[in-house]
């Protein structure tokens, strides 16, 4: 069956000046009635719709956290000398920064990606069946964990992967306490209501550089300042076992971690099956499947 091409309603990296455009999609999808039936309460839905993120405290038990930490340590040891492109290393060293497609290669994390505590909330927000667009484990060790610069995930997923509309949600499972001083995620509440069109042509095979340090597809300082002046900044703190869920277009980033305290997490992104990836809007070739799954028929059940 021939794929129906969805027009580019969020052009980025095509003009010589940045711009701020109004969001054209819902935040909470409601056409099929799932928003009323899922585990998120009306107040939680309203907060997510307003801020673009929501912290779910103590969603996983401490026993489960310990099991995930042990599995993460095993994966790290297994991949220390790996040359796989799915193993991303720090820009100034060979320390492992992230391991992608973890739900495809690890039984324990595959089970996590199918956990109803994540799936039911994703289906509720996106009002459809879902599939895993991307998964990874992130290592931000004490003393050495580097920063992630400000960005909207959707901008990259749209331009480089061909995700047509804002209908995806990310879940970050905290495996360490997220504190104000150990490189925790910072978010701009309300930023998901605006799309920042970035400047700069997408280099070929950009993912090889951007997964280590992203420099193309990041907001200009003027647009970021406008967002922060309008909405402020938040850095949600929570205990290990909590889950931060955030909308695909929410502006976020994190500082480096110079404390002795690690900040590790499991990251799973669900996309609606009704939001199947198109050819990349950059005109380039698609990024590899370990970064962006291109088979929405693989519905998570």
C-alpha atoms as a PDB file:
ATOM      1  CA  UNK A   1       0.000   0.000   0.000  1.00  0.00           C
ATOM      2  CA  UNK A   2       1.351   3.412  -0.985  1.00  0.00           C
ATOM      3  CA  UNK A   3       1.995   5.743   1.935  1.00  0.00           C
ATOM      4  CA  UNK A   4      -0.024   8.955   2.066  1.00  0.00           C
ATOM      5  CA  UNK A   5       2.403  11.849   2.350  1.00  0.00           C
ATOM      6  CA  UNK A   6       1.535  14.312   5.104  1.00  0.00           C
ATOM      7  CA  UNK A   7       2.421  17.940   4.283  1.00  0.00           C
ATOM      8  CA  UNK A   8       5.110  19.694   6.291  1.00  0.00           C
ATOM      9  CA  UNK A   9       3.174  21.947   8.672  1.00  0.00           C
ATOM     10  CA  UNK A  10       6.215  22.548  10.907  1.00  0.00           C
ATOM     11  CA  UNK A  11       9.031  23.596   8.534  1.00  0.00           C
ATOM     12  CA  UNK A  12      12.422  23.969  10.211  1.00  0.00           C
ATOM     13  CA  UNK A  13      16.038  24.354   9.083  1.00  0.00           C
ATOM     14  CA  UNK A  14      14.842  25.769   5.760  1.00  0.00           C
ATOM     15  CA  UNK A  15      14.956  29.543   6.371  1.00  0.00           C
ATOM     16  CA  UNK A  16      17.802  31.881   7.258  1.00  0.00           C
ATOM     17  CA  UNK A  17      15.984  33.287  10.289  1.00  0.00           C
ATOM     18  CA  UNK A  18      14.329  31.439  13.195  1.00  0.00           C
ATOM     19  CA  UNK A  19      10.638  31.832  13.931  1.00  0.00           C
ATOM     20  CA  UNK A  20       8.135  30.937  16.641  1.00  0.00           C
ATOM     21  CA  UNK A  21       4.945  29.317  15.361  1.00  0.00           C
ATOM     22  CA  UNK A  22       1.760  28.359  17.199  1.00  0.00           C
ATOM     23  CA  UNK A  23       1.197  24.668  17.806  1.00  0.00           C
ATOM     24  CA  UNK A  24      -1.263  23.146  15.312  1.00  0.00           C
ATOM     25  CA  UNK A  25      -2.039  19.899  17.159  1.00  0.00           C
ATOM     26  CA  UNK A  26      -3.860  18.915  20.361  1.00  0.00           C
ATOM     27  CA  UNK A  27      -1.826  18.167  23.468  1.00  0.00           C
ATOM     28  CA  UNK A  28      -4.292  15.618  24.845  1.00  0.00           C
ATOM     29  CA  UNK A  29      -6.093  13.814  22.027  1.00  0.00           C
ATOM     30  CA  UNK A  30      -9.748  13.097  22.753  1.00  0.00           C
ATOM     31  CA  UNK A  31     -11.552  12.030  19.581  1.00  0.00           C
ATOM     32  CA  UNK A  32     -11.839   8.336  20.523  1.00  0.00           C
ATOM     33  CA  UNK A  33     -12.750   8.885  24.152  1.00  0.00           C
ATOM     34  CA  UNK A  34      -9.668   7.230  25.671  1.00  0.00           C
ATOM     35  CA  UNK A  35      -8.712  10.365  27.606  1.00  0.00           C
ATOM     36  CA  UNK A  36     -11.665   9.847  29.926  1.00  0.00           C
ATOM     37  CA  UNK A  37     -10.920   6.179  30.655  1.00  0.00           C
ATOM     38  CA  UNK A  38      -7.208   5.954  31.412  1.00  0.00           C
ATOM     39  CA  UNK A  39      -5.252   6.082  34.681  1.00  0.00           C
ATOM     40  CA  UNK A  40      -4.516   9.815  34.511  1.00  0.00           C
ATOM     41  CA  UNK A  41      -7.009  11.889  36.456  1.00  0.00           C
ATOM     42  CA  UNK A  42      -8.750  14.959  35.086  1.00  0.00           C
ATOM     43  CA  UNK A  43      -6.410  17.167  37.140  1.00  0.00           C
ATOM     44  CA  UNK A  44      -3.346  15.355  35.811  1.00  0.00           C
ATOM     45  CA  UNK A  45      -4.554  15.678  32.236  1.00  0.00           C
ATOM     46  CA  UNK A  46      -5.135  19.390  32.767  1.00  0.00           C
ATOM     47  CA  UNK A  47      -1.646  19.843  34.224  1.00  0.00           C
ATOM     48  CA  UNK A  48      -0.034  17.933  31.357  1.00  0.00           C
ATOM     49  CA  UNK A  49      -2.033  19.956  28.843  1.00  0.00           C
ATOM     50  CA  UNK A  50      -0.968  23.215  30.515  1.00  0.00           C
ATOM     51  CA  UNK A  51       2.703  22.487  31.242  1.00  0.00           C
ATOM     52  CA  UNK A  52       3.654  19.845  28.684  1.00  0.00           C
ATOM     53  CA  UNK A  53       4.961  17.460  31.352  1.00  0.00           C
ATOM     54  CA  UNK A  54       3.919  15.625  34.497  1.00  0.00           C
ATOM     55  CA  UNK A  55       5.874  13.894  37.245  1.00  0.00           C
ATOM     56  CA  UNK A  56       4.389  10.598  38.450  1.00  0.00           C
ATOM     57  CA  UNK A  57       5.980   9.920  41.808  1.00  0.00           C
ATOM     58  CA  UNK A  58       6.892   6.395  42.956  1.00  0.00           C
ATOM     59  CA  UNK A  59       5.364   4.678  39.926  1.00  0.00           C
ATOM     60  CA  UNK A  60       7.948   1.880  40.184  1.00  0.00           C
ATOM     61  CA  UNK A  61       8.935   0.184  43.429  1.00  0.00           C
ATOM     62  CA  UNK A  62      12.410   0.317  44.919  1.00  0.00           C
ATOM     63  CA  UNK A  63      12.793  -3.389  44.174  1.00  0.00           C
ATOM     64  CA  UNK A  64      12.046  -2.702  40.502  1.00  0.00           C
ATOM     65  CA  UNK A  65      14.491   0.214  40.525  1.00  0.00           C
ATOM     66  CA  UNK A  66      17.236  -1.991  41.917  1.00  0.00           C
ATOM     67  CA  UNK A  67      16.541  -4.596  39.245  1.00  0.00           C
ATOM     68  CA  UNK A  68      16.749  -1.957  36.492  1.00  0.00           C
ATOM     69  CA  UNK A  69      19.964  -0.552  37.953  1.00  0.00           C
ATOM     70  CA  UNK A  70      21.511  -4.015  37.955  1.00  0.00           C
ATOM     71  CA  UNK A  71      20.432  -4.588  34.357  1.00  0.00           C
ATOM     72  CA  UNK A  72      21.745  -1.163  33.352  1.00  0.00           C
ATOM     73  CA  UNK A  73      25.124  -2.000  34.925  1.00  0.00           C
ATOM     74  CA  UNK A  74      25.206  -5.265  33.005  1.00  0.00           C
ATOM     75  CA  UNK A  75      24.400  -3.464  29.725  1.00  0.00           C
ATOM     76  CA  UNK A  76      27.107  -0.869  30.422  1.00  0.00           C
ATOM     77  CA  UNK A  77      29.734  -3.530  31.098  1.00  0.00           C
ATOM     78  CA  UNK A  78      28.675  -5.459  28.003  1.00  0.00           C
ATOM     79  CA  UNK A  79      28.992  -2.368  25.798  1.00  0.00           C
ATOM     80  CA  UNK A  80      32.154  -0.761  27.185  1.00  0.00           C
ATOM     81  CA  UNK A  81      34.171  -1.899  24.181  1.00  0.00           C
ATOM     82  CA  UNK A  82      31.319  -2.045  21.688  1.00  0.00           C
ATOM     83  CA  UNK A  83      31.569  -0.401  18.271  1.00  0.00           C
ATOM     84  CA  UNK A  84      27.806  -0.505  17.732  1.00  0.00           C
ATOM     85  CA  UNK A  85      26.315   2.750  16.448  1.00  0.00           C
ATOM     86  CA  UNK A  86      23.568   2.324  19.048  1.00  0.00           C
ATOM     87  CA  UNK A  87      26.144   2.915  21.796  1.00  0.00           C
ATOM     88  CA  UNK A  88      26.679   6.670  22.099  1.00  0.00           C
ATOM     89  CA  UNK A  89      29.773   8.040  23.801  1.00  0.00           C
ATOM     90  CA  UNK A  90      30.550  11.374  25.440  1.00  0.00           C
ATOM     91  CA  UNK A  91      31.885  14.038  23.041  1.00  0.00           C
ATOM     92  CA  UNK A  92      35.186  14.507  24.911  1.00  0.00           C
ATOM     93  CA  UNK A  93      35.772  10.903  25.931  1.00  0.00           C
ATOM     94  CA  UNK A  94      34.895   7.330  25.191  1.00  0.00           C
ATOM     95  CA  UNK A  95      32.614   7.006  28.207  1.00  0.00           C
ATOM     96  CA  UNK A  96      29.199   5.548  27.325  1.00  0.00           C
ATOM     97  CA  UNK A  97      26.548   8.293  27.250  1.00  0.00           C
ATOM     98  CA  UNK A  98      23.514   6.317  26.047  1.00  0.00           C
ATOM     99  CA  UNK A  99      22.552   2.933  24.653  1.00  0.00           C
ATOM    100  CA  UNK A 100      19.673   3.071  22.164  1.00  0.00           C
ATOM    101  CA  UNK A 101      16.983   0.561  21.135  1.00  0.00           C
ATOM    102  CA  UNK A 102      17.274  -1.081  24.501  1.00  0.00           C
ATOM    103  CA  UNK A 103      13.745  -2.488  24.257  1.00  0.00           C
ATOM    104  CA  UNK A 104      14.845  -4.490  21.199  1.00  0.00           C
ATOM    105  CA  UNK A 105      18.058  -5.922  22.609  1.00  0.00           C
ATOM    106  CA  UNK A 106      17.361  -6.475  26.308  1.00  0.00           C
ATOM    107  CA  UNK A 107      14.605  -8.681  27.708  1.00  0.00           C
ATOM    108  CA  UNK A 108      14.215  -6.739  30.959  1.00  0.00           C
ATOM    109  CA  UNK A 109      13.874  -3.368  29.249  1.00  0.00           C
ATOM    110  CA  UNK A 110      11.589  -4.843  26.603  1.00  0.00           C
ATOM    111  CA  UNK A 111       9.319  -5.828  29.474  1.00  0.00           C
ATOM    112  CA  UNK A 112       9.473  -2.279  30.845  1.00  0.00           C
ATOM    113  CA  UNK A 113       8.464  -0.854  27.441  1.00  0.00           C
ATOM    114  CA  UNK A 114       5.345  -3.038  27.591  1.00  0.00           C
ATOM    115  CA  UNK A 115       4.462  -2.164  31.192  1.00  0.00           C
ATOM    116  CA  UNK A 116       0.832  -1.062  31.526  1.00  0.00           C
ATOM    117  CA  UNK A 117       1.857   1.801  33.839  1.00  0.00           C
ATOM    118  CA  UNK A 118       3.477   3.436  30.811  1.00  0.00           C
ATOM    119  CA  UNK A 119       1.358   2.055  27.985  1.00  0.00           C
ATOM    120  CA  UNK A 120      -2.042   2.918  29.437  1.00  0.00           C
ATOM    121  CA  UNK A 121      -1.005   6.526  30.015  1.00  0.00           C
ATOM    122  CA  UNK A 122       0.465   6.816  26.521  1.00  0.00           C
ATOM    123  CA  UNK A 123      -2.699   5.436  24.936  1.00  0.00           C
ATOM    124  CA  UNK A 124      -4.787   7.774  27.059  1.00  0.00           C
ATOM    125  CA  UNK A 125      -2.861  10.879  26.001  1.00  0.00           C
ATOM    126  CA  UNK A 126      -2.496   9.946  22.341  1.00  0.00           C
ATOM    127  CA  UNK A 127      -5.995   8.441  22.041  1.00  0.00           C
ATOM    128  CA  UNK A 128      -4.815   5.485  19.959  1.00  0.00           C
ATOM    129  CA  UNK A 129      -2.693   2.374  19.913  1.00  0.00           C
ATOM    130  CA  UNK A 130       1.001   3.156  20.179  1.00  0.00           C
ATOM    131  CA  UNK A 131       4.408   1.788  19.264  1.00  0.00           C
ATOM    132  CA  UNK A 132       7.898   2.478  20.604  1.00  0.00           C
ATOM    133  CA  UNK A 133       9.439   5.196  18.468  1.00  0.00           C
ATOM    134  CA  UNK A 134      12.672   5.239  20.471  1.00  0.00           C
ATOM    135  CA  UNK A 135      14.151   3.782  23.652  1.00  0.00           C
ATOM    136  CA  UNK A 136      17.451   4.203  25.425  1.00  0.00           C
ATOM    137  CA  UNK A 137      19.192   4.141  28.754  1.00  0.00           C
ATOM    138  CA  UNK A 138      21.068   7.309  29.723  1.00  0.00           C
ATOM    139  CA  UNK A 139      24.141   7.369  31.931  1.00  0.00           C
ATOM    140  CA  UNK A 140      24.989  10.613  33.687  1.00  0.00           C
ATOM    141  CA  UNK A 141      27.592   9.474  36.223  1.00  0.00           C
ATOM    142  CA  UNK A 142      28.792  11.574  39.110  1.00  0.00           C
ATOM    143  CA  UNK A 143      31.636  14.013  38.336  1.00  0.00           C
ATOM    144  CA  UNK A 144      31.630  13.225  34.597  1.00  0.00           C
ATOM    145  CA  UNK A 145      28.069  13.340  33.197  1.00  0.00           C
ATOM    146  CA  UNK A 146      27.841  15.945  30.448  1.00  0.00           C
ATOM    147  CA  UNK A 147      25.031  18.330  29.624  1.00  0.00           C
ATOM    148  CA  UNK A 148      22.236  17.922  27.071  1.00  0.00           C
ATOM    149  CA  UNK A 149      21.620  21.280  25.366  1.00  0.00           C
ATOM    150  CA  UNK A 150      18.139  22.796  25.036  1.00  0.00           C
ATOM    151  CA  UNK A 151      15.994  21.195  22.369  1.00  0.00           C
ATOM    152  CA  UNK A 152      12.535  20.064  21.361  1.00  0.00           C
ATOM    153  CA  UNK A 153      12.578  16.361  20.541  1.00  0.00           C
ATOM    154  CA  UNK A 154       9.813  16.866  17.992  1.00  0.00           C
ATOM    155  CA  UNK A 155      11.887  19.306  15.938  1.00  0.00           C
ATOM    156  CA  UNK A 156      14.491  16.603  15.336  1.00  0.00           C
ATOM    157  CA  UNK A 157      11.983  13.769  14.980  1.00  0.00           C
ATOM    158  CA  UNK A 158      10.054  15.846  12.441  1.00  0.00           C
ATOM    159  CA  UNK A 159      12.975  17.074  10.353  1.00  0.00           C
ATOM    160  CA  UNK A 160      15.265  14.030  10.509  1.00  0.00           C
ATOM    161  CA  UNK A 161      12.811  11.161  11.045  1.00  0.00           C
ATOM    162  CA  UNK A 162       9.661  12.412   9.294  1.00  0.00           C
ATOM    163  CA  UNK A 163       7.306  12.403  12.304  1.00  0.00           C
ATOM    164  CA  UNK A 164       4.458  14.446  10.798  1.00  0.00           C
ATOM    165  CA  UNK A 165       2.532  15.746  13.820  1.00  0.00           C
ATOM    166  CA  UNK A 166       2.974  16.283  17.560  1.00  0.00           C
ATOM    167  CA  UNK A 167       1.434  13.025  18.764  1.00  0.00           C
ATOM    168  CA  UNK A 168       4.147  11.339  20.807  1.00  0.00           C
ATOM    169  CA  UNK A 169       5.004  11.209  24.504  1.00  0.00           C
ATOM    170  CA  UNK A 170       8.254  10.448  26.333  1.00  0.00           C
ATOM    171  CA  UNK A 171       8.623   8.623  29.641  1.00  0.00           C
ATOM    172  CA  UNK A 172      11.794   9.034  31.683  1.00  0.00           C
ATOM    173  CA  UNK A 173      12.012   6.425  34.454  1.00  0.00           C
ATOM    174  CA  UNK A 174      14.223   7.811  37.212  1.00  0.00           C
ATOM    175  CA  UNK A 175      16.761   5.277  38.460  1.00  0.00           C
ATOM    176  CA  UNK A 176      18.356   7.800  40.820  1.00  0.00           C
ATOM    177  CA  UNK A 177      16.880  10.608  42.858  1.00  0.00           C
ATOM    178  CA  UNK A 178      16.510  13.664  40.608  1.00  0.00           C
ATOM    179  CA  UNK A 179      17.873  16.592  42.600  1.00  0.00           C
ATOM    180  CA  UNK A 180      18.437  20.273  41.781  1.00  0.00           C
ATOM    181  CA  UNK A 181      22.210  19.732  41.648  1.00  0.00           C
ATOM    182  CA  UNK A 182      22.916  16.406  39.884  1.00  0.00           C
ATOM    183  CA  UNK A 183      22.138  17.356  36.292  1.00  0.00           C
ATOM    184  CA  UNK A 184      18.392  16.768  36.412  1.00  0.00           C
ATOM    185  CA  UNK A 185      16.170  17.678  33.499  1.00  0.00           C
ATOM    186  CA  UNK A 186      15.070  21.300  33.151  1.00  0.00           C
ATOM    187  CA  UNK A 187      11.881  22.067  31.232  1.00  0.00           C
ATOM    188  CA  UNK A 188      10.093  25.187  30.044  1.00  0.00           C
ATOM    189  CA  UNK A 189       6.437  24.717  31.079  1.00  0.00           C
ATOM    190  CA  UNK A 190       4.101  25.800  28.289  1.00  0.00           C
ATOM    191  CA  UNK A 191       6.810  25.731  25.627  1.00  0.00           C
ATOM    192  CA  UNK A 192       5.038  22.827  23.905  1.00  0.00           C
ATOM    193  CA  UNK A 193       2.415  25.332  22.694  1.00  0.00           C
ATOM    194  CA  UNK A 194       4.953  26.850  20.305  1.00  0.00           C
ATOM    195  CA  UNK A 195       7.180  25.410  17.587  1.00  0.00           C
ATOM    196  CA  UNK A 196      10.641  26.924  17.235  1.00  0.00           C
ATOM    197  CA  UNK A 197      11.732  26.801  13.618  1.00  0.00           C
ATOM    198  CA  UNK A 198      15.508  26.449  13.695  1.00  0.00           C
ATOM    199  CA  UNK A 199      18.228  27.683  11.359  1.00  0.00           C
ATOM    200  CA  UNK A 200      20.909  25.553   9.735  1.00  0.00           C
ATOM    201  CA  UNK A 201      20.912  22.893   7.052  1.00  0.00           C
ATOM    202  CA  UNK A 202      20.862  19.327   8.346  1.00  0.00           C
ATOM    203  CA  UNK A 203      24.243  17.680   7.676  1.00  0.00           C
ATOM    204  CA  UNK A 204      24.329  14.207   6.168  1.00  0.00           C
ATOM    205  CA  UNK A 205      24.287  11.510   8.857  1.00  0.00           C
ATOM    206  CA  UNK A 206      23.751  14.240  11.419  1.00  0.00           C
ATOM    207  CA  UNK A 207      22.803  11.700  14.105  1.00  0.00           C
ATOM    208  CA  UNK A 208      26.434  10.583  14.395  1.00  0.00           C
ATOM    209  CA  UNK A 209      27.293  13.983  15.835  1.00  0.00           C
ATOM    210  CA  UNK A 210      23.990  15.131  17.342  1.00  0.00           C
ATOM    211  CA  UNK A 211      23.587  12.142  19.658  1.00  0.00           C
ATOM    212  CA  UNK A 212      26.926  13.104  21.219  1.00  0.00           C
ATOM    213  CA  UNK A 213      26.407  16.882  21.132  1.00  0.00           C
ATOM    214  CA  UNK A 214      23.577  18.545  19.220  1.00  0.00           C
ATOM    215  CA  UNK A 215      24.352  21.846  17.510  1.00  0.00           C
ATOM    216  CA  UNK A 216      21.918  21.846  14.552  1.00  0.00           C
ATOM    217  CA  UNK A 217      18.208  21.760  15.412  1.00  0.00           C
ATOM    218  CA  UNK A 218      18.560  23.627  18.695  1.00  0.00           C
ATOM    219  CA  UNK A 219      16.706  26.864  19.494  1.00  0.00           C
ATOM    220  CA  UNK A 220      18.381  30.200  18.948  1.00  0.00           C
ATOM    221  CA  UNK A 221      19.052  32.257  22.049  1.00  0.00           C
ATOM    222  CA  UNK A 222      16.395  34.842  21.226  1.00  0.00           C
ATOM    223  CA  UNK A 223      13.608  32.268  20.877  1.00  0.00           C
ATOM    224  CA  UNK A 224      14.706  30.401  24.014  1.00  0.00           C
ATOM    225  CA  UNK A 225      14.818  33.652  25.974  1.00  0.00           C
ATOM    226  CA  UNK A 226      11.317  34.503  24.728  1.00  0.00           C
ATOM    227  CA  UNK A 227      10.017  31.129  25.969  1.00  0.00           C
ATOM    228  CA  UNK A 228      11.682  31.400  29.374  1.00  0.00           C
ATOM    229  CA  UNK A 229      10.592  35.026  29.858  1.00  0.00           C
ATOM    230  CA  UNK A 230       7.029  33.966  29.071  1.00  0.00           C
ATOM    231  CA  UNK A 231       6.838  30.665  30.981  1.00  0.00           C
ATOM    232  CA  UNK A 232       9.804  30.364  33.338  1.00  0.00           C
ATOM    233  CA  UNK A 233      11.813  27.215  34.100  1.00  0.00           C
ATOM    234  CA  UNK A 234      11.121  24.147  36.172  1.00  0.00           C
ATOM    235  CA  UNK A 235      13.367  21.325  37.338  1.00  0.00           C
ATOM    236  CA  UNK A 236      11.089  18.622  38.778  1.00  0.00           C
ATOM    237  CA  UNK A 237      12.679  16.779  41.703  1.00  0.00           C
ATOM    238  CA  UNK A 238      11.585  13.273  42.648  1.00  0.00           C
ATOM    239  CA  UNK A 239      12.774   9.999  44.095  1.00  0.00           C
ATOM    240  CA  UNK A 240      14.086   7.072  42.082  1.00  0.00           C
ATOM    241  CA  UNK A 241      11.148   5.039  40.782  1.00  0.00           C
ATOM    242  CA  UNK A 242       9.232   8.123  39.735  1.00  0.00           C
ATOM    243  CA  UNK A 243       8.488   8.785  36.067  1.00  0.00           C
ATOM    244  CA  UNK A 244       8.648  12.101  34.242  1.00  0.00           C
ATOM    245  CA  UNK A 245       6.367  12.080  31.230  1.00  0.00           C
ATOM    246  CA  UNK A 246       6.665  14.951  28.784  1.00  0.00           C
ATOM    247  CA  UNK A 247       5.150  16.040  25.500  1.00  0.00           C
ATOM    248  CA  UNK A 248       7.292  15.631  22.392  1.00  0.00           C
ATOM    249  CA  UNK A 249       7.539  19.388  21.749  1.00  0.00           C
ATOM    250  CA  UNK A 250       8.380  20.504  25.295  1.00  0.00           C
ATOM    251  CA  UNK A 251      11.656  22.432  25.391  1.00  0.00           C
ATOM    252  CA  UNK A 252      14.113  20.759  27.762  1.00  0.00           C
ATOM    253  CA  UNK A 253      17.792  20.283  28.558  1.00  0.00           C
ATOM    254  CA  UNK A 254      20.113  19.487  31.449  1.00  0.00           C
ATOM    255  CA  UNK A 255      23.341  20.688  32.999  1.00  0.00           C
ATOM    256  CA  UNK A 256      26.461  18.597  33.491  1.00  0.00           C
ATOM    257  CA  UNK A 257      26.757  16.596  36.694  1.00  0.00           C
ATOM    258  CA  UNK A 258      29.778  17.554  38.800  1.00  0.00           C
ATOM    259  CA  UNK A 259      28.381  16.025  41.994  1.00  0.00           C
ATOM    260  CA  UNK A 260      29.289  12.507  43.198  1.00  0.00           C
ATOM    261  CA  UNK A 261      25.616  11.541  42.691  1.00  0.00           C
ATOM    262  CA  UNK A 262      24.673   9.794  39.418  1.00  0.00           C
ATOM    263  CA  UNK A 263      21.531  10.598  37.441  1.00  0.00           C
ATOM    264  CA  UNK A 264      20.559   7.593  35.335  1.00  0.00           C
ATOM    265  CA  UNK A 265      17.285   6.957  33.568  1.00  0.00           C
ATOM    266  CA  UNK A 266      15.400   4.651  31.213  1.00  0.00           C
ATOM    267  CA  UNK A 267      13.794   6.556  28.358  1.00  0.00           C
ATOM    268  CA  UNK A 268      10.871   5.254  26.273  1.00  0.00           C
ATOM    269  CA  UNK A 269       9.028   7.224  23.580  1.00  0.00           C
ATOM    270  CA  UNK A 270       5.617   6.145  22.324  1.00  0.00           C
ATOM    271  CA  UNK A 271       4.213   7.422  19.033  1.00  0.00           C
ATOM    272  CA  UNK A 272       0.637   7.030  17.858  1.00  0.00           C
ATOM    273  CA  UNK A 273       0.110   4.445  15.125  1.00  0.00           C
ATOM    274  CA  UNK A 274      -1.894   7.206  13.396  1.00  0.00           C
ATOM    275  CA  UNK A 275       1.264   9.354  13.248  1.00  0.00           C
ATOM    276  CA  UNK A 276       3.443   7.040  11.143  1.00  0.00           C
ATOM    277  CA  UNK A 277       6.812   8.387  10.047  1.00  0.00           C
ATOM    278  CA  UNK A 278       7.091   9.946   6.594  1.00  0.00           C
ATOM    279  CA  UNK A 279      10.242  10.445   4.555  1.00  0.00           C
ATOM    280  CA  UNK A 280      12.346  12.935   6.559  1.00  0.00           C
ATOM    281  CA  UNK A 281      11.221  16.509   5.972  1.00  0.00           C
ATOM    282  CA  UNK A 282      14.881  17.499   5.660  1.00  0.00           C
ATOM    283  CA  UNK A 283      14.970  15.619   2.364  1.00  0.00           C
ATOM    284  CA  UNK A 284      17.808  13.464   3.674  1.00  0.00           C
ATOM    285  CA  UNK A 285      17.863   9.738   4.233  1.00  0.00           C
ATOM    286  CA  UNK A 286      16.092   8.348   7.317  1.00  0.00           C
ATOM    287  CA  UNK A 287      18.061   7.906  10.510  1.00  0.00           C
ATOM    288  CA  UNK A 288      18.737   4.279  11.487  1.00  0.00           C
ATOM    289  CA  UNK A 289      16.011   2.219  13.125  1.00  0.00           C
ATOM    290  CA  UNK A 290      17.783   2.173  16.483  1.00  0.00           C
ATOM    291  CA  UNK A 291      17.110   5.948  16.713  1.00  0.00           C
ATOM    292  CA  UNK A 292      13.676   6.038  15.083  1.00  0.00           C
ATOM    293  CA  UNK A 293      11.552   2.947  14.517  1.00  0.00           C
ATOM    294  CA  UNK A 294       9.826   3.060  11.149  1.00  0.00           C
ATOM    295  CA  UNK A 295       7.387   0.134  11.661  1.00  0.00           C
ATOM    296  CA  UNK A 296       4.219   1.424  13.354  1.00  0.00           C
ATOM    297  CA  UNK A 297       2.557  -1.915  12.710  1.00  0.00           C
ATOM    298  CA  UNK A 298       4.648  -3.228  15.611  1.00  0.00           C
ATOM    299  CA  UNK A 299       2.055  -2.095  18.157  1.00  0.00           C
ATOM    300  CA  UNK A 300       3.067  -2.544  21.772  1.00  0.00           C
ATOM    301  CA  UNK A 301       0.692  -4.903  23.609  1.00  0.00           C
END
